Amino acid sequence: MRRLVVVLGWLVAIALSPTAASAWGFEGHRVVGAIADHLLTPAAKAQVQQLLNEGDTRSVDLRKAAPWLDCVKSVARHDDGRFHYEVDPDHLEYEVPCTPFNSARERARMVDYVARNWTTCSYAPDGFERGCHNTFHFADVAIQRSTFDRSFQGTNPHDLVAAISAAIAVLQGKPIPPPFPFSIKDKKEAVLLLAHLMGDLHQPLHIGSVYLDTTGQLVDPDVAHAVDPATDTIGGNAIRDGVAVPFQTINLHHEWDDIPTDLGDAATSELMDAVKLVPPSQGAPEDWPAAWATDTLLVAHDAFKGLSFGPTPPPAQPKWTVTFDNHIDYLQAADAIKRKQLAKGGARLAELLNAIWP
């Protein structure tokens, strides 16, 4: 019965959440950070506390720091070329996870970060430039693949795996490896990025994606050596689910961003038990991001299992509509996957920081 309650709660959360979502939402990112806070060694905890609490921030841990990279999405570029942090008066709830960074100095850091990382690549998924920094949150590897490899379509030098690798290099005191086009100002900024991106890395639709033809059938972009913009699902953001919340346009990616409501935004005893089942990573820390992406890609196979796609009749949007072999079974499977992935994200964030600061 608890699982059914969780599933129904998830549907309510979807109905009430804003349409613009990021991996896990801020609650999920806080959960990942909270798990890591519990697992840091004394040396790593001291380093993290020192970095995160310099300047105007106070009492910030990984739990509070984890939403930072979504908070910077409030920085807008104006026609005069200047950047400004803008609070949306119609959605003040967006600012809830950003309050640890609402001082003038911390807002200036966000503006500076976006300005430095805006033009290092072009990202205009809807015809409007959104800034290169918004590509750091994802890769879109076809689910026909079983490993993460930078030669595949949907990867690039400024994707999620590359961003994590760049942040690791900064914390290790090394230069960011070419050709990664990242500007990471200092170690504090690197920790802020990792606290968030390690959550993104474990959301299955931030690594795995489906590519479709005009009828909604799977195609392989690595065979075609190209992605057709007209049929791109944008990591599930262009796939509509008309079943989960009738009469609303909810996309499949958004549904995966929402975590089970009973978890709240902290590390539960259930998740800490799940952490014990996460095996240690092998090899050097520099190799871990690609290995973790491979693991998440395999999970994405299950996230797309039992789904079929077809064009959405105009003028409705997004362009694709998903149908389910069994909707309730799918939601219950997704619930279990999310719990495991959140546990992995928190465990691996701590594992990484503990390796850097043993």
Protein backbone atom coordinates (compact mmCIF):
# COMPACT_ATOMS: atom_id res chain seq x y z
CA MET A 1 0.00 0.00 0.00
CA ARG A 2 2.84 2.44 0.73
CA ARG A 3 4.09 2.16 -2.83
CA LEU A 4 0.66 2.99 -4.23
CA VAL A 5 0.43 6.01 -1.96
CA VAL A 6 3.86 7.12 -3.14
CA VAL A 7 2.83 6.77 -6.78
CA LEU A 8 -0.35 8.77 -6.23
CA GLY A 9 1.62 11.38 -4.33
CA TRP A 10 4.04 11.62 -7.24
CA LEU A 11 1.15 12.36 -9.61
CA VAL A 12 -0.06 15.16 -7.34
CA ALA A 13 3.47 16.58 -7.20
CA ILE A 14 3.65 16.55 -10.98
CA ALA A 15 0.37 18.39 -11.22
CA LEU A 16 1.53 21.12 -8.85
CA SER A 17 5.12 21.53 -10.02
CA PRO A 18 6.26 24.25 -12.43
CA THR A 19 6.71 23.16 -16.03
CA ALA A 20 10.36 24.19 -16.12
CA ALA A 21 12.16 21.45 -14.20
CA SER A 22 15.70 20.25 -13.79
CA ALA A 23 17.03 16.87 -12.76
CA TRP A 24 15.30 15.71 -9.58
CA GLY A 25 13.99 19.20 -8.76
CA PHE A 26 15.63 20.94 -5.81
CA GLU A 27 14.33 18.33 -3.36
CA GLY A 28 16.15 15.53 -5.15
CA HIS A 29 19.36 17.51 -5.35
CA ARG A 30 19.13 18.24 -1.63
CA VAL A 31 18.64 14.52 -0.96
CA VAL A 32 21.81 13.68 -2.91
CA GLY A 33 23.75 16.37 -1.05
CA ALA A 34 22.38 15.27 2.32
CA ILE A 35 23.45 11.68 1.73
CA ALA A 36 26.95 12.84 0.85
CA ASP A 37 27.10 15.05 3.96
CA HIS A 38 26.64 11.93 6.08
CA LEU A 39 29.40 10.02 4.28
CA LEU A 40 32.25 12.55 4.11
CA THR A 41 35.45 11.77 5.95
CA PRO A 42 36.54 14.37 8.52
CA ALA A 43 39.17 15.72 6.13
CA ALA A 44 36.77 16.04 3.21
CA LYS A 45 34.05 17.55 5.42
CA ALA A 46 36.46 20.20 6.68
CA GLN A 47 37.49 21.14 3.14
CA VAL A 48 33.89 21.29 1.92
CA GLN A 49 32.76 23.40 4.88
CA GLN A 50 35.66 25.80 4.44
CA LEU A 51 35.02 26.29 0.72
CA LEU A 52 31.24 26.55 0.85
CA ASN A 53 31.17 28.94 3.80
CA GLU A 54 33.71 31.48 2.65
CA GLY A 55 32.41 34.88 1.67
CA ASP A 56 28.79 35.70 2.48
CA THR A 57 27.47 32.17 2.80
CA ARG A 58 26.97 30.69 6.25
CA SER A 59 26.25 27.14 7.46
CA VAL A 60 26.09 25.79 3.91
CA ASP A 61 26.61 22.07 3.48
CA LEU A 62 26.29 19.91 0.38
CA ARG A 63 22.53 19.58 0.95
CA LYS A 64 22.03 23.34 0.75
CA ALA A 65 24.65 23.79 -1.99
CA ALA A 66 23.26 21.15 -4.36
CA PRO A 67 20.54 23.33 -6.01
CA TRP A 68 23.03 26.14 -6.82
CA LEU A 69 23.47 25.24 -10.47
CA ASP A 70 19.73 25.51 -11.04
CA CYS A 71 19.59 28.81 -9.15
CA VAL A 72 21.95 30.32 -11.71
CA LYS A 73 19.22 29.78 -14.32
CA SER A 74 17.67 32.95 -12.91
CA VAL A 75 20.54 34.87 -14.49
CA ALA A 76 19.32 36.39 -17.77
CA ARG A 77 21.22 38.00 -20.62
CA HIS A 78 19.75 41.31 -21.80
CA ASP A 79 19.89 42.90 -25.23
CA ASP A 80 22.71 45.17 -24.07
CA GLY A 81 24.85 42.07 -23.43
CA ARG A 82 24.75 42.43 -19.65
CA PHE A 83 23.69 39.70 -17.26
CA HIS A 84 21.32 40.13 -14.34
CA TYR A 85 19.89 37.84 -11.66
CA GLU A 86 16.13 38.16 -11.98
CA VAL A 87 13.51 36.92 -9.53
CA ASP A 88 10.30 35.81 -11.23
CA PRO A 89 7.51 37.64 -9.37
CA ASP A 90 4.97 35.09 -10.61
CA HIS A 91 6.97 32.16 -9.24
CA LEU A 92 8.62 33.17 -5.99
CA GLU A 93 8.72 29.47 -5.09
CA TYR A 94 11.64 29.12 -7.49
CA GLU A 95 13.72 31.07 -4.97
CA VAL A 96 13.11 28.69 -2.06
CA PRO A 97 16.26 26.58 -2.60
CA CYS A 98 18.31 29.65 -3.53
CA THR A 99 18.04 31.55 -0.25
CA PRO A 100 21.55 30.52 0.95
CA PHE A 101 22.90 32.47 -2.02
CA ASN A 102 20.75 35.62 -2.00
CA SER A 103 23.41 38.01 -0.75
CA ALA A 104 24.80 40.59 -3.18
CA ARG A 105 28.16 38.82 -3.25
CA GLU A 106 26.71 35.39 -3.99
CA ARG A 107 24.32 36.77 -6.62
CA ALA A 108 27.35 38.41 -8.24
CA ARG A 109 29.11 35.04 -8.28
CA MET A 110 26.15 33.52 -10.14
CA VAL A 111 26.10 36.35 -12.68
CA ASP A 112 29.84 36.05 -13.19
CA TYR A 113 29.61 32.27 -13.65
CA VAL A 114 26.92 32.56 -16.32
CA ALA A 115 28.71 35.38 -18.14
CA ARG A 116 31.94 33.35 -18.29
CA ASN A 117 30.20 30.23 -19.58
CA TRP A 118 27.54 31.71 -21.87
CA THR A 119 29.38 31.88 -25.20
CA THR A 120 31.82 28.96 -24.95
CA CYS A 121 29.29 27.03 -27.06
CA SER A 122 25.86 27.72 -28.54
CA TYR A 123 22.70 26.21 -27.07
CA ALA A 124 19.42 27.23 -28.70
CA PRO A 125 17.03 24.24 -28.45
CA ASP A 126 13.96 26.37 -29.13
CA GLY A 127 15.56 28.88 -31.48
CA PHE A 128 16.64 31.21 -28.66
CA GLU A 129 20.14 31.23 -27.23
CA ARG A 130 20.07 29.75 -23.73
CA GLY A 131 23.79 29.86 -22.93
CA CYS A 132 26.39 27.13 -23.05
CA HIS A 133 26.22 26.61 -19.27
CA ASN A 134 22.78 25.04 -19.66
CA THR A 135 24.31 22.15 -21.62
CA PHE A 136 26.45 21.10 -18.64
CA HIS A 137 23.47 19.27 -17.10
CA PHE A 138 23.00 16.42 -19.58
CA ALA A 139 24.14 14.08 -22.31
CA ASP A 140 21.72 12.40 -24.72
CA VAL A 141 23.16 8.97 -25.56
CA ALA A 142 20.85 6.70 -27.56
CA ILE A 143 19.43 3.86 -25.46
CA GLN A 144 20.70 1.42 -28.11
CA ARG A 145 24.14 1.98 -26.58
CA SER A 146 25.30 0.12 -23.48
CA THR A 147 28.34 2.26 -22.63
CA PHE A 148 29.11 5.96 -22.48
CA ASP A 149 31.58 6.92 -25.19
CA ARG A 150 32.41 10.40 -26.40
CA SER A 151 32.26 9.23 -30.02
CA PHE A 152 28.48 8.71 -29.74
CA GLN A 153 25.82 11.17 -30.87
CA GLY A 154 24.39 13.14 -27.96
CA THR A 155 27.78 13.69 -26.33
CA ASN A 156 30.02 16.73 -26.71
CA PRO A 157 32.93 18.49 -24.95
CA HIS A 158 30.50 20.55 -22.84
CA ASP A 159 28.12 17.81 -21.68
CA LEU A 160 27.43 16.54 -18.17
CA VAL A 161 30.28 14.03 -18.04
CA ALA A 162 32.75 16.60 -19.33
CA ALA A 163 31.54 19.17 -16.78
CA ILE A 164 32.08 16.76 -13.88
CA SER A 165 35.54 15.90 -15.20
CA ALA A 166 36.40 19.60 -15.39
CA ALA A 167 35.27 20.21 -11.80
CA ILE A 168 37.31 17.23 -10.58
CA ALA A 169 40.41 18.65 -12.30
CA VAL A 170 39.94 22.01 -10.56
CA LEU A 171 39.64 20.37 -7.14
CA GLN A 172 42.77 18.33 -7.87
CA GLY A 173 44.67 21.52 -8.72
CA LYS A 174 45.02 20.49 -12.36
CA PRO A 175 44.16 22.41 -15.54
CA ILE A 176 40.82 21.60 -17.16
CA PRO A 177 41.64 19.09 -19.91
CA PRO A 178 41.12 20.27 -23.49
CA PRO A 179 38.88 20.58 -25.41
CA PHE A 180 36.43 21.07 -22.53
CA PRO A 181 35.18 24.72 -22.72
CA PHE A 182 34.52 25.39 -19.04
CA SER A 183 35.34 28.40 -16.91
CA ILE A 184 35.41 27.30 -13.26
CA LYS A 185 36.61 30.21 -11.18
CA ASP A 186 37.84 28.42 -8.05
CA LYS A 187 37.44 25.35 -5.87
CA LYS A 188 34.28 26.69 -4.25
CA GLU A 189 32.65 26.90 -7.66
CA ALA A 190 33.89 23.39 -8.47
CA VAL A 191 32.24 22.01 -5.32
CA LEU A 192 29.01 23.83 -6.16
CA LEU A 193 29.04 22.26 -9.62
CA LEU A 194 29.78 18.76 -8.36
CA ALA A 195 27.13 18.94 -5.63
CA HIS A 196 24.55 19.48 -8.36
CA LEU A 197 25.92 17.60 -11.36
CA MET A 198 26.38 14.35 -9.46
CA GLY A 199 22.61 14.41 -8.97
CA ASP A 200 22.04 15.11 -12.66
CA LEU A 201 24.34 12.24 -13.59
CA HIS A 202 22.08 9.74 -11.83
CA GLN A 203 18.78 10.88 -13.34
CA PRO A 204 18.39 8.34 -16.18
CA LEU A 205 16.96 10.78 -18.73
CA HIS A 206 19.95 13.08 -18.25
CA ILE A 207 22.17 10.43 -19.84
CA GLY A 208 19.97 8.16 -21.97
CA SER A 209 17.58 9.28 -24.69
CA VAL A 210 15.33 7.94 -27.42
CA TYR A 211 15.61 9.12 -31.02
CA LEU A 212 12.52 8.75 -33.22
CA ASP A 213 11.52 8.93 -36.85
CA THR A 214 8.48 10.84 -38.10
CA THR A 215 6.14 8.02 -37.06
CA GLY A 216 7.54 7.64 -33.54
CA GLN A 217 9.63 4.54 -34.18
CA LEU A 218 13.11 4.23 -32.66
CA VAL A 219 16.02 5.21 -34.88
CA ASP A 220 19.74 4.95 -34.18
CA PRO A 221 21.53 8.30 -34.52
CA ASP A 222 24.92 6.57 -34.46
CA VAL A 223 24.03 4.64 -37.59
CA ALA A 224 22.76 7.80 -39.28
CA HIS A 225 25.75 9.78 -37.88
CA ALA A 226 23.38 12.67 -37.19
CA VAL A 227 20.39 13.79 -35.14
CA ASP A 228 17.35 15.10 -36.99
CA PRO A 229 16.29 18.32 -35.20
CA ALA A 230 12.74 17.86 -36.49
CA THR A 231 12.30 14.62 -34.56
CA ASP A 232 14.66 15.18 -31.61
CA THR A 233 13.01 14.30 -28.29
CA ILE A 234 15.39 16.62 -26.37
CA GLY A 235 16.05 14.01 -23.71
CA GLY A 236 12.34 13.33 -23.22
CA ASN A 237 11.38 17.01 -22.89
CA ALA A 238 9.56 16.80 -26.23
CA ILE A 239 7.56 13.72 -25.19
CA ARG A 240 4.09 14.42 -23.77
CA ASP A 241 2.38 12.20 -21.21
CA GLY A 242 -1.35 12.69 -21.39
CA VAL A 243 -2.06 9.86 -18.94
CA ALA A 244 -0.29 10.92 -15.73
CA VAL A 245 -2.18 14.20 -15.30
CA PRO A 246 -5.13 14.51 -17.70
CA PHE A 247 -5.78 17.90 -19.27
CA GLN A 248 -2.22 19.07 -18.57
CA THR A 249 0.87 19.01 -20.74
CA ILE A 250 3.45 17.11 -18.70
CA ASN A 251 6.58 15.81 -20.40
CA LEU A 252 8.30 12.52 -19.71
CA HIS A 253 11.56 14.15 -18.64
CA HIS A 254 9.70 16.25 -16.09
CA GLU A 255 8.11 13.15 -14.59
CA TRP A 256 11.53 11.63 -14.01
CA ASP A 257 12.73 14.84 -12.37
CA ASP A 258 10.18 14.46 -9.56
CA ILE A 259 11.25 12.25 -6.66
CA PRO A 260 8.95 10.12 -4.46
CA THR A 261 7.20 12.55 -2.14
CA ASP A 262 7.79 10.52 1.01
CA LEU A 263 11.53 11.19 0.75
CA GLY A 264 11.23 14.90 1.49
CA ASP A 265 14.52 16.72 0.89
CA ALA A 266 16.92 14.98 3.27
CA ALA A 267 18.67 11.64 3.70
CA THR A 268 16.18 9.08 4.99
CA SER A 269 17.17 5.89 6.80
CA GLU A 270 15.87 3.95 3.80
CA LEU A 271 18.25 5.74 1.45
CA MET A 272 21.18 5.40 3.85
CA ASP A 273 20.53 1.66 3.88
CA ALA A 274 20.50 1.67 0.07
CA VAL A 275 23.85 3.47 0.07
CA LYS A 276 25.44 0.38 1.64
CA LEU A 277 24.64 -1.55 -1.55
CA VAL A 278 26.52 0.87 -3.82
CA PRO A 279 29.83 -0.77 -4.76
CA PRO A 280 33.07 1.24 -4.61
CA SER A 281 34.25 2.73 -7.89
CA GLN A 282 37.28 1.24 -9.60
CA GLY A 283 40.30 3.02 -11.07
CA ALA A 284 41.28 6.66 -10.77
CA PRO A 285 38.71 9.38 -9.94
CA GLU A 286 39.27 10.91 -13.37
CA ASP A 287 37.79 7.75 -14.90
CA TRP A 288 34.74 7.61 -12.66
CA PRO A 289 32.41 10.08 -14.47
CA ALA A 290 32.34 8.03 -17.69
CA ALA A 291 31.92 4.78 -15.75
CA TRP A 292 29.05 6.26 -13.72
CA ALA A 293 27.45 7.55 -16.94
CA THR A 294 27.61 4.01 -18.36
CA ASP A 295 25.85 2.72 -15.25
CA THR A 296 23.12 5.37 -15.59
CA LEU A 297 22.75 4.65 -19.30
CA LEU A 298 21.95 1.03 -18.48
CA VAL A 299 19.33 2.25 -15.99
CA ALA A 300 17.86 4.44 -18.77
CA HIS A 301 17.15 1.24 -20.72
CA ASP A 302 14.68 0.36 -17.96
CA ALA A 303 13.32 3.93 -17.84
CA PHE A 304 12.21 3.60 -21.47
CA LYS A 305 11.01 -0.01 -21.18
CA GLY A 306 7.32 -0.58 -21.96
CA LEU A 307 6.91 2.77 -23.71
CA SER A 308 5.66 3.55 -27.22
CA PHE A 309 5.68 6.89 -28.98
CA GLY A 310 3.66 8.63 -31.63
CA PRO A 311 3.30 12.12 -33.09
CA THR A 312 1.12 14.50 -31.09
CA PRO A 313 -1.73 15.81 -33.27
CA PRO A 314 -1.28 19.56 -33.91
CA PRO A 315 -1.65 22.09 -32.48
CA ALA A 316 -0.94 20.26 -29.21
CA GLN A 317 2.61 20.23 -27.87
CA PRO A 318 5.15 18.74 -27.27
CA LYS A 319 5.70 16.98 -30.59
CA TRP A 320 5.55 13.39 -29.23
CA THR A 321 3.08 11.51 -27.03
CA VAL A 322 4.00 8.46 -24.94
CA THR A 323 1.80 5.44 -24.25
CA PHE A 324 2.46 2.76 -21.63
CA ASP A 325 2.13 -1.01 -21.73
CA ASN A 326 0.97 -0.77 -18.10
CA HIS A 327 0.97 2.69 -16.54
CA ILE A 328 0.74 1.72 -12.87
CA ASP A 329 3.48 -0.89 -13.23
CA TYR A 330 5.65 1.71 -14.94
CA LEU A 331 5.18 4.25 -12.14
CA GLN A 332 6.01 1.67 -9.48
CA ALA A 333 9.16 0.63 -11.35
CA ALA A 334 10.16 4.29 -11.76
CA ASP A 335 9.69 4.86 -8.03
CA ALA A 336 12.11 2.04 -7.20
CA ILE A 337 14.65 3.23 -9.78
CA LYS A 338 14.61 6.78 -8.40
CA ARG A 339 15.34 5.62 -4.87
CA LYS A 340 18.34 3.59 -6.03
CA GLN A 341 19.66 6.40 -8.20
CA LEU A 342 19.41 9.02 -5.48
CA ALA A 343 21.34 6.71 -3.15
CA LYS A 344 24.02 6.16 -5.81
CA GLY A 345 24.32 9.89 -6.47
CA GLY A 346 24.88 10.73 -2.81
CA ALA A 347 27.27 7.83 -2.23
CA ARG A 348 29.37 8.66 -5.27
CA LEU A 349 29.49 12.38 -4.54
CA ALA A 350 30.95 11.56 -1.12
CA GLU A 351 33.24 8.92 -2.59
CA LEU A 352 34.65 11.46 -5.04
CA LEU A 353 35.24 14.19 -2.45
CA ASN A 354 36.75 11.67 -0.04
CA ALA A 355 39.17 10.55 -2.77
CA ILE A 356 40.20 14.13 -3.50
CA TRP A 357 40.65 14.98 0.19
CA PRO A 358 41.54 11.67 1.90
